[in-house]
Amino acid sequence: MSKLSFKEKFIVIVSSIFGIGYIKLFSGSWACILAVLFFIFLKKEVFFIFTLISLILAFLFSGKAERIFGQKDCKKIVIDDFSGMLISFLFIQKDIRFIISGFFIFRAIDFLKVPPADRLERYAGSIGVTGDDLVAGIYSNIILQFLKVAINIVS
């Protein structure tokens, strides 16, 4: 990383979520756990803005980071997982049932690459890196919204 310019180092730092992407095992899951912590501790108004900023940064930097690493959808790039996890929790109440199920739902959908995520992942650059996680986040959020309604009906 020493031969990189300041701008490239900044891109790597942001796209790896300050080095989480360098964790050898389950770096994407660790980024998701960090996103869950942000969900728990941020006020909902701040959380919405934070999620939007994270998603913008994911699209701005993930493709550039992919070129820096020289590898398609490099595992060190975890801002996409982080952002997708945040999207999962938009407009969801801070309830342990939603937090735990949301984490596992997002990770499962992200792993399975439910269409159109499977097609988006084939693209090079930011669309390929972040697009599939955006889809997984939206699908997870929809499932959590249905779960929220079902719980409210039963309660």
N, C-alpha and C. Protein backbone atom coordinates (compact mmCIF):
# COMPACT_ATOMS: atom_id res chain seq x y z
N MET A 1 0.82 -1.20 0.00
CA MET A 1 0.00 0.00 0.00
C MET A 1 0.86 1.26 0.00
N SER A 2 2.16 1.11 0.22
CA SER A 2 3.04 2.27 0.30
C SER A 2 3.24 2.96 -1.04
N LYS A 3 3.06 2.23 -2.17
CA LYS A 3 3.27 2.82 -3.48
C LYS A 3 2.02 3.56 -3.98
N LEU A 4 0.97 3.53 -3.22
CA LEU A 4 -0.27 4.18 -3.63
C LEU A 4 -0.21 5.67 -3.33
N SER A 5 -0.90 6.43 -4.15
CA SER A 5 -1.01 7.87 -3.90
C SER A 5 -1.93 8.09 -2.70
N PHE A 6 -1.93 9.31 -2.19
CA PHE A 6 -2.81 9.64 -1.06
C PHE A 6 -4.27 9.36 -1.42
N LYS A 7 -4.67 9.75 -2.62
CA LYS A 7 -6.05 9.53 -3.07
C LYS A 7 -6.39 8.04 -3.10
N GLU A 8 -5.46 7.23 -3.62
CA GLU A 8 -5.69 5.78 -3.69
C GLU A 8 -5.75 5.17 -2.29
N LYS A 9 -4.90 5.63 -1.39
CA LYS A 9 -4.93 5.14 -0.01
C LYS A 9 -6.27 5.48 0.64
N PHE A 10 -6.76 6.68 0.39
CA PHE A 10 -8.05 7.11 0.93
C PHE A 10 -9.17 6.21 0.41
N ILE A 11 -9.15 5.91 -0.88
CA ILE A 11 -10.15 5.03 -1.49
C ILE A 11 -10.11 3.64 -0.85
N VAL A 12 -8.91 3.12 -0.64
CA VAL A 12 -8.75 1.80 -0.02
C VAL A 12 -9.26 1.82 1.42
N ILE A 13 -8.94 2.87 2.16
CA ILE A 13 -9.38 2.97 3.56
C ILE A 13 -10.90 3.01 3.63
N VAL A 14 -11.53 3.82 2.80
CA VAL A 14 -13.00 3.93 2.83
C VAL A 14 -13.64 2.64 2.35
N SER A 15 -13.17 2.09 1.24
CA SER A 15 -13.80 0.90 0.66
C SER A 15 -13.59 -0.35 1.52
N SER A 16 -12.55 -0.36 2.33
CA SER A 16 -12.31 -1.49 3.23
C SER A 16 -12.89 -1.21 4.62
N ILE A 17 -13.62 -0.14 4.75
CA ILE A 17 -14.18 0.32 6.04
C ILE A 17 -13.07 0.32 7.10
N PHE A 18 -12.09 1.16 6.85
CA PHE A 18 -10.98 1.37 7.79
C PHE A 18 -10.26 0.07 8.15
N GLY A 19 -10.10 -0.81 7.16
CA GLY A 19 -9.31 -2.01 7.33
C GLY A 19 -10.09 -3.28 7.64
N ILE A 20 -11.39 -3.19 7.86
CA ILE A 20 -12.18 -4.39 8.14
C ILE A 20 -12.05 -5.38 6.98
N GLY A 21 -11.96 -4.87 5.77
CA GLY A 21 -11.83 -5.74 4.60
C GLY A 21 -10.57 -6.59 4.60
N TYR A 22 -9.60 -6.23 5.43
CA TYR A 22 -8.36 -6.99 5.51
C TYR A 22 -8.44 -8.16 6.49
N ILE A 23 -9.54 -8.27 7.21
CA ILE A 23 -9.73 -9.43 8.09
C ILE A 23 -9.85 -10.66 7.20
N LYS A 24 -9.07 -11.68 7.48
CA LYS A 24 -8.97 -12.85 6.59
C LYS A 24 -10.28 -13.62 6.45
N LEU A 25 -10.99 -13.85 7.54
CA LEU A 25 -12.22 -14.64 7.48
C LEU A 25 -13.45 -13.76 7.67
N PHE A 26 -14.40 -13.91 6.77
CA PHE A 26 -15.72 -13.27 6.89
C PHE A 26 -15.66 -11.75 6.99
N SER A 27 -14.80 -11.12 6.20
CA SER A 27 -14.67 -9.66 6.28
C SER A 27 -16.00 -8.97 5.97
N GLY A 28 -16.77 -9.51 5.03
CA GLY A 28 -18.08 -8.92 4.72
C GLY A 28 -19.03 -9.01 5.90
N SER A 29 -18.99 -10.12 6.61
CA SER A 29 -19.85 -10.27 7.80
C SER A 29 -19.42 -9.33 8.92
N TRP A 30 -18.12 -9.13 9.06
CA TRP A 30 -17.64 -8.18 10.08
C TRP A 30 -18.10 -6.76 9.74
N ALA A 31 -18.09 -6.41 8.45
CA ALA A 31 -18.58 -5.10 8.03
C ALA A 31 -20.07 -4.98 8.33
N CYS A 32 -20.81 -6.07 8.15
CA CYS A 32 -22.25 -6.07 8.46
C CYS A 32 -22.50 -5.92 9.95
N ILE A 33 -21.66 -6.54 10.76
CA ILE A 33 -21.80 -6.40 12.22
C ILE A 33 -21.58 -4.95 12.62
N LEU A 34 -20.60 -4.31 12.01
CA LEU A 34 -20.38 -2.88 12.28
C LEU A 34 -21.60 -2.07 11.87
N ALA A 35 -22.19 -2.40 10.72
CA ALA A 35 -23.40 -1.70 10.27
C ALA A 35 -24.54 -1.88 11.27
N VAL A 36 -24.67 -3.08 11.82
CA VAL A 36 -25.70 -3.34 12.84
C VAL A 36 -25.47 -2.44 14.05
N LEU A 37 -24.22 -2.29 14.46
CA LEU A 37 -23.92 -1.41 15.60
C LEU A 37 -24.30 0.03 15.30
N PHE A 38 -24.04 0.49 14.09
CA PHE A 38 -24.47 1.84 13.71
C PHE A 38 -25.98 1.95 13.76
N PHE A 39 -26.68 0.92 13.31
CA PHE A 39 -28.14 0.92 13.36
C PHE A 39 -28.63 1.03 14.81
N ILE A 40 -28.00 0.29 15.69
CA ILE A 40 -28.42 0.28 17.09
C ILE A 40 -28.19 1.64 17.75
N PHE A 41 -27.05 2.25 17.49
CA PHE A 41 -26.65 3.43 18.25
C PHE A 41 -26.99 4.78 17.62
N LEU A 42 -27.29 4.82 16.33
CA LEU A 42 -27.64 6.10 15.71
C LEU A 42 -29.13 6.36 15.83
N LYS A 43 -29.49 7.62 15.99
CA LYS A 43 -30.91 8.01 15.97
C LYS A 43 -31.42 7.78 14.56
N LYS A 44 -32.72 7.49 14.43
CA LYS A 44 -33.24 7.08 13.12
C LYS A 44 -33.09 8.16 12.05
N GLU A 45 -33.18 9.44 12.41
CA GLU A 45 -33.00 10.50 11.41
C GLU A 45 -31.55 10.52 10.91
N VAL A 46 -30.62 10.36 11.82
CA VAL A 46 -29.19 10.34 11.48
C VAL A 46 -28.87 9.06 10.70
N PHE A 47 -29.50 7.95 11.10
CA PHE A 47 -29.26 6.67 10.45
C PHE A 47 -29.63 6.74 8.97
N PHE A 48 -30.73 7.37 8.64
CA PHE A 48 -31.14 7.49 7.24
C PHE A 48 -30.08 8.25 6.43
N ILE A 49 -29.63 9.38 6.95
CA ILE A 49 -28.61 10.18 6.25
C ILE A 49 -27.30 9.40 6.17
N PHE A 50 -26.92 8.74 7.25
CA PHE A 50 -25.70 7.94 7.28
C PHE A 50 -25.75 6.83 6.22
N THR A 51 -26.90 6.18 6.10
CA THR A 51 -27.08 5.12 5.11
C THR A 51 -26.94 5.68 3.70
N LEU A 52 -27.55 6.80 3.45
CA LEU A 52 -27.47 7.44 2.14
C LEU A 52 -26.03 7.80 1.79
N ILE A 53 -25.32 8.38 2.74
CA ILE A 53 -23.91 8.74 2.51
C ILE A 53 -23.07 7.49 2.26
N SER A 54 -23.32 6.44 3.04
CA SER A 54 -22.58 5.19 2.87
C SER A 54 -22.81 4.60 1.48
N LEU A 55 -24.04 4.62 1.03
CA LEU A 55 -24.36 4.09 -0.30
C LEU A 55 -23.69 4.92 -1.40
N ILE A 56 -23.70 6.22 -1.26
CA ILE A 56 -23.04 7.09 -2.24
C ILE A 56 -21.53 6.79 -2.27
N LEU A 57 -20.93 6.67 -1.09
CA LEU A 57 -19.49 6.36 -1.02
C LEU A 57 -19.20 4.99 -1.62
N ALA A 58 -20.09 4.03 -1.39
CA ALA A 58 -19.90 2.68 -1.95
C ALA A 58 -19.86 2.75 -3.47
N PHE A 59 -20.80 3.49 -4.06
CA PHE A 59 -20.81 3.60 -5.52
C PHE A 59 -19.64 4.43 -6.04
N LEU A 60 -19.24 5.45 -5.29
CA LEU A 60 -18.12 6.28 -5.74
C LEU A 60 -16.78 5.56 -5.66
N PHE A 61 -16.57 4.76 -4.61
CA PHE A 61 -15.24 4.20 -4.34
C PHE A 61 -15.05 2.74 -4.68
N SER A 62 -16.09 1.92 -4.69
CA SER A 62 -15.87 0.48 -4.85
C SER A 62 -15.28 0.12 -6.21
N GLY A 63 -15.71 0.77 -7.25
CA GLY A 63 -15.13 0.50 -8.57
C GLY A 63 -13.68 0.93 -8.67
N LYS A 64 -13.38 2.08 -8.06
CA LYS A 64 -12.00 2.57 -8.05
C LYS A 64 -11.12 1.65 -7.22
N ALA A 65 -11.66 1.18 -6.10
CA ALA A 65 -10.90 0.24 -5.25
C ALA A 65 -10.66 -1.07 -5.99
N GLU A 66 -11.65 -1.51 -6.75
CA GLU A 66 -11.50 -2.74 -7.54
C GLU A 66 -10.31 -2.60 -8.50
N ARG A 67 -10.18 -1.44 -9.13
CA ARG A 67 -9.06 -1.21 -10.04
C ARG A 67 -7.73 -1.15 -9.28
N ILE A 68 -7.74 -0.53 -8.10
CA ILE A 68 -6.51 -0.44 -7.30
C ILE A 68 -6.05 -1.84 -6.88
N PHE A 69 -6.98 -2.66 -6.43
CA PHE A 69 -6.64 -4.02 -6.00
C PHE A 69 -6.35 -4.94 -7.19
N GLY A 70 -6.84 -4.56 -8.36
CA GLY A 70 -6.61 -5.36 -9.56
C GLY A 70 -7.35 -6.68 -9.55
N GLN A 71 -8.48 -6.70 -8.87
CA GLN A 71 -9.26 -7.93 -8.74
C GLN A 71 -10.74 -7.60 -8.73
N LYS A 72 -11.51 -8.32 -9.55
CA LYS A 72 -12.95 -8.09 -9.62
C LYS A 72 -13.58 -8.41 -8.27
N ASP A 73 -14.36 -7.46 -7.76
CA ASP A 73 -15.08 -7.60 -6.49
C ASP A 73 -14.18 -8.17 -5.39
N CYS A 74 -13.03 -7.55 -5.25
CA CYS A 74 -12.04 -7.95 -4.25
C CYS A 74 -12.68 -8.04 -2.86
N LYS A 75 -12.35 -9.08 -2.13
CA LYS A 75 -12.94 -9.32 -0.80
C LYS A 75 -12.54 -8.25 0.21
N LYS A 76 -11.53 -7.46 -0.09
CA LYS A 76 -11.13 -6.38 0.81
C LYS A 76 -12.09 -5.21 0.73
N ILE A 77 -12.88 -5.16 -0.32
CA ILE A 77 -13.88 -4.10 -0.48
C ILE A 77 -15.14 -4.56 0.25
N VAL A 78 -15.42 -3.90 1.37
CA VAL A 78 -16.58 -4.31 2.18
C VAL A 78 -17.59 -3.18 2.40
N ILE A 79 -17.33 -2.02 1.82
CA ILE A 79 -18.29 -0.93 1.97
C ILE A 79 -19.63 -1.30 1.33
N ASP A 80 -19.60 -2.19 0.35
CA ASP A 80 -20.83 -2.64 -0.29
C ASP A 80 -21.66 -3.48 0.68
N ASP A 81 -21.03 -4.39 1.41
CA ASP A 81 -21.73 -5.19 2.42
C ASP A 81 -22.27 -4.29 3.53
N PHE A 82 -21.43 -3.37 3.97
CA PHE A 82 -21.80 -2.42 5.02
C PHE A 82 -23.04 -1.63 4.61
N SER A 83 -23.02 -1.08 3.41
CA SER A 83 -24.14 -0.27 2.92
C SER A 83 -25.41 -1.10 2.73
N GLY A 84 -25.26 -2.29 2.18
CA GLY A 84 -26.41 -3.17 1.99
C GLY A 84 -27.07 -3.53 3.31
N MET A 85 -26.25 -3.79 4.33
CA MET A 85 -26.77 -4.10 5.66
C MET A 85 -27.52 -2.91 6.23
N LEU A 86 -26.98 -1.72 6.03
CA LEU A 86 -27.67 -0.51 6.50
C LEU A 86 -29.04 -0.38 5.83
N ILE A 87 -29.11 -0.61 4.54
CA ILE A 87 -30.37 -0.52 3.79
C ILE A 87 -31.40 -1.50 4.36
N SER A 88 -30.94 -2.65 4.79
CA SER A 88 -31.84 -3.64 5.37
C SER A 88 -32.64 -3.08 6.55
N PHE A 89 -32.04 -2.16 7.28
CA PHE A 89 -32.66 -1.66 8.51
C PHE A 89 -33.37 -0.31 8.37
N LEU A 90 -33.45 0.24 7.17
CA LEU A 90 -34.17 1.50 7.00
C LEU A 90 -35.63 1.33 7.38
N PHE A 91 -36.12 2.22 8.22
CA PHE A 91 -37.53 2.26 8.64
C PHE A 91 -37.94 1.00 9.42
N ILE A 92 -36.98 0.38 10.08
CA ILE A 92 -37.21 -0.79 10.92
C ILE A 92 -36.96 -0.37 12.36
N GLN A 93 -37.82 -0.84 13.26
CA GLN A 93 -37.64 -0.49 14.67
C GLN A 93 -36.47 -1.26 15.26
N LYS A 94 -35.87 -0.67 16.30
CA LYS A 94 -34.72 -1.27 16.97
C LYS A 94 -35.23 -2.32 17.95
N ASP A 95 -35.41 -3.48 17.44
CA ASP A 95 -35.95 -4.61 18.19
C ASP A 95 -35.01 -5.78 17.93
N ILE A 96 -34.62 -6.48 18.98
CA ILE A 96 -33.64 -7.56 18.84
C ILE A 96 -34.08 -8.61 17.81
N ARG A 97 -35.39 -8.84 17.68
CA ARG A 97 -35.88 -9.81 16.70
C ARG A 97 -35.55 -9.36 15.28
N PHE A 98 -35.71 -8.06 15.01
CA PHE A 98 -35.42 -7.53 13.68
C PHE A 98 -33.91 -7.44 13.43
N ILE A 99 -33.18 -7.13 14.47
CA ILE A 99 -31.72 -6.99 14.32
C ILE A 99 -31.09 -8.33 13.96
N ILE A 100 -31.42 -9.36 14.72
CA ILE A 100 -30.83 -10.68 14.47
C ILE A 100 -31.33 -11.25 13.14
N SER A 101 -32.64 -11.21 12.94
CA SER A 101 -33.17 -11.78 11.69
C SER A 101 -32.71 -10.96 10.49
N GLY A 102 -32.62 -9.65 10.63
CA GLY A 102 -32.16 -8.80 9.53
C GLY A 102 -30.74 -9.12 9.12
N PHE A 103 -29.88 -9.34 10.09
CA PHE A 103 -28.49 -9.70 9.79
C PHE A 103 -28.43 -10.98 8.97
N PHE A 104 -29.13 -12.02 9.45
CA PHE A 104 -29.06 -13.32 8.77
C PHE A 104 -29.81 -13.32 7.44
N ILE A 105 -30.90 -12.59 7.36
CA ILE A 105 -31.63 -12.50 6.08
C ILE A 105 -30.74 -11.83 5.03
N PHE A 106 -30.12 -10.70 5.41
CA PHE A 106 -29.26 -10.00 4.45
C PHE A 106 -28.10 -10.88 4.00
N ARG A 107 -27.42 -11.52 4.96
CA ARG A 107 -26.26 -12.35 4.59
C ARG A 107 -26.68 -13.50 3.68
N ALA A 108 -27.85 -14.10 3.95
CA ALA A 108 -28.34 -15.21 3.11
C ALA A 108 -28.67 -14.73 1.71
N ILE A 109 -29.38 -13.62 1.61
CA ILE A 109 -29.77 -13.10 0.29
C ILE A 109 -28.52 -12.65 -0.48
N ASP A 110 -27.59 -12.03 0.22
CA ASP A 110 -26.35 -11.60 -0.44
C ASP A 110 -25.57 -12.81 -0.94
N PHE A 111 -25.53 -13.87 -0.16
CA PHE A 111 -24.82 -15.09 -0.56
C PHE A 111 -25.51 -15.78 -1.75
N LEU A 112 -26.83 -15.82 -1.72
CA LEU A 112 -27.59 -16.53 -2.76
C LEU A 112 -27.66 -15.76 -4.09
N LYS A 113 -27.39 -14.46 -4.06
CA LYS A 113 -27.43 -13.61 -5.26
C LYS A 113 -28.78 -13.76 -5.98
N VAL A 114 -29.84 -13.43 -5.26
CA VAL A 114 -31.19 -13.50 -5.80
C VAL A 114 -31.31 -12.49 -6.94
N PRO A 115 -31.91 -12.89 -8.07
CA PRO A 115 -32.04 -11.98 -9.21
C PRO A 115 -32.76 -10.68 -8.81
N PRO A 116 -32.32 -9.57 -9.32
CA PRO A 116 -31.33 -9.34 -10.37
C PRO A 116 -29.89 -9.18 -9.86
N ALA A 117 -29.66 -9.48 -8.58
CA ALA A 117 -28.30 -9.34 -8.03
C ALA A 117 -27.30 -10.20 -8.79
N ASP A 118 -27.71 -11.37 -9.21
CA ASP A 118 -26.80 -12.26 -9.94
C ASP A 118 -26.33 -11.63 -11.25
N ARG A 119 -27.20 -10.88 -11.89
CA ARG A 119 -26.82 -10.21 -13.15
C ARG A 119 -25.99 -8.96 -12.88
N LEU A 120 -26.34 -8.21 -11.84
CA LEU A 120 -25.59 -7.00 -11.52
C LEU A 120 -24.16 -7.32 -11.14
N GLU A 121 -23.96 -8.43 -10.44
CA GLU A 121 -22.63 -8.81 -9.98
C GLU A 121 -21.66 -9.03 -11.14
N ARG A 122 -22.16 -9.35 -12.29
CA ARG A 122 -21.30 -9.61 -13.46
C ARG A 122 -20.65 -8.35 -14.03
N TYR A 123 -21.25 -7.19 -13.73
CA TYR A 123 -20.71 -5.93 -14.25
C TYR A 123 -19.40 -5.58 -13.55
N ALA A 124 -18.53 -4.92 -14.29
CA ALA A 124 -17.30 -4.43 -13.70
C ALA A 124 -17.58 -3.11 -12.98
N GLY A 125 -16.72 -2.76 -12.08
CA GLY A 125 -16.82 -1.47 -11.41
C GLY A 125 -17.86 -1.45 -10.30
N SER A 126 -18.25 -0.24 -9.94
CA SER A 126 -19.14 -0.02 -8.80
C SER A 126 -20.48 -0.72 -8.93
N ILE A 127 -21.02 -0.78 -10.13
CA ILE A 127 -22.31 -1.46 -10.33
C ILE A 127 -22.18 -2.93 -9.95
N GLY A 128 -21.13 -3.57 -10.38
CA GLY A 128 -20.92 -4.98 -10.07
C GLY A 128 -20.59 -5.24 -8.61
N VAL A 129 -19.82 -4.34 -8.00
CA VAL A 129 -19.42 -4.53 -6.60
C VAL A 129 -20.58 -4.21 -5.66
N THR A 130 -21.24 -3.09 -5.87
CA THR A 130 -22.25 -2.60 -4.92
C THR A 130 -23.67 -2.97 -5.30
N GLY A 131 -23.94 -3.15 -6.58
CA GLY A 131 -25.31 -3.40 -7.04
C GLY A 131 -25.97 -4.60 -6.41
N ASP A 132 -25.23 -5.71 -6.30
CA ASP A 132 -25.83 -6.92 -5.72
C ASP A 132 -26.15 -6.74 -4.24
N ASP A 133 -25.33 -5.97 -3.52
CA ASP A 133 -25.60 -5.71 -2.10
C ASP A 133 -26.75 -4.73 -1.92
N LEU A 134 -26.90 -3.81 -2.85
CA LEU A 134 -28.05 -2.91 -2.83
C LEU A 134 -29.34 -3.72 -2.98
N VAL A 135 -29.35 -4.65 -3.93
CA VAL A 135 -30.52 -5.52 -4.13
C VAL A 135 -30.78 -6.37 -2.88
N ALA A 136 -29.72 -6.95 -2.32
CA ALA A 136 -29.88 -7.77 -1.11
C ALA A 136 -30.43 -6.94 0.05
N GLY A 137 -29.97 -5.70 0.16
CA GLY A 137 -30.47 -4.81 1.21
C GLY A 137 -31.93 -4.47 1.03
N ILE A 138 -32.33 -4.21 -0.22
CA ILE A 138 -33.74 -3.89 -0.50
C ILE A 138 -34.62 -5.11 -0.23
N TYR A 139 -34.21 -6.27 -0.71
CA TYR A 139 -34.99 -7.50 -0.46
C TYR A 139 -35.09 -7.77 1.05
N SER A 140 -33.99 -7.63 1.76
CA SER A 140 -34.00 -7.87 3.20
C SER A 140 -34.93 -6.90 3.90
N ASN A 141 -34.90 -5.65 3.47
CA ASN A 141 -35.77 -4.64 4.08
C ASN A 141 -37.24 -4.98 3.83
N ILE A 142 -37.57 -5.41 2.63
CA ILE A 142 -38.96 -5.79 2.32
C ILE A 142 -39.40 -6.95 3.22
N ILE A 143 -38.54 -7.94 3.39
CA ILE A 143 -38.88 -9.07 4.26
C ILE A 143 -39.07 -8.60 5.69
N LEU A 144 -38.18 -7.72 6.16
CA LEU A 144 -38.32 -7.20 7.53
C LEU A 144 -39.59 -6.36 7.69
N GLN A 145 -39.96 -5.63 6.64
CA GLN A 145 -41.22 -4.86 6.70
C GLN A 145 -42.41 -5.80 6.85
N PHE A 146 -42.42 -6.90 6.08
CA PHE A 146 -43.50 -7.89 6.21
C PHE A 146 -43.49 -8.52 7.60
N LEU A 147 -42.30 -8.82 8.09
CA LEU A 147 -42.17 -9.39 9.42
C LEU A 147 -42.70 -8.43 10.48
N LYS A 148 -42.40 -7.16 10.32
CA LYS A 148 -42.87 -6.12 11.24
C LYS A 148 -44.39 -6.07 11.25
N VAL A 149 -45.01 -6.11 10.08
CA VAL A 149 -46.47 -6.10 9.98
C VAL A 149 -47.05 -7.35 10.62
N ALA A 150 -46.46 -8.50 10.35
CA ALA A 150 -46.96 -9.76 10.91
C ALA A 150 -46.88 -9.75 12.43
N ILE A 151 -45.80 -9.25 12.97
CA ILE A 151 -45.65 -9.17 14.43
C ILE A 151 -46.67 -8.21 15.03
N ASN A 152 -46.90 -7.08 14.36
CA ASN A 152 -47.88 -6.11 14.85
C ASN A 152 -49.30 -6.68 14.79
N ILE A 153 -49.60 -7.50 13.81
CA ILE A 153 -50.93 -8.10 13.70
C ILE A 153 -51.13 -9.11 14.85
N VAL A 154 -50.11 -9.91 15.12
CA VAL A 154 -50.19 -10.94 16.15
C VAL A 154 -50.22 -10.31 17.55
N SER A 155 -49.53 -9.21 17.73
CA SER A 155 -49.44 -8.57 19.07
C SER A 155 -50.74 -7.95 19.51
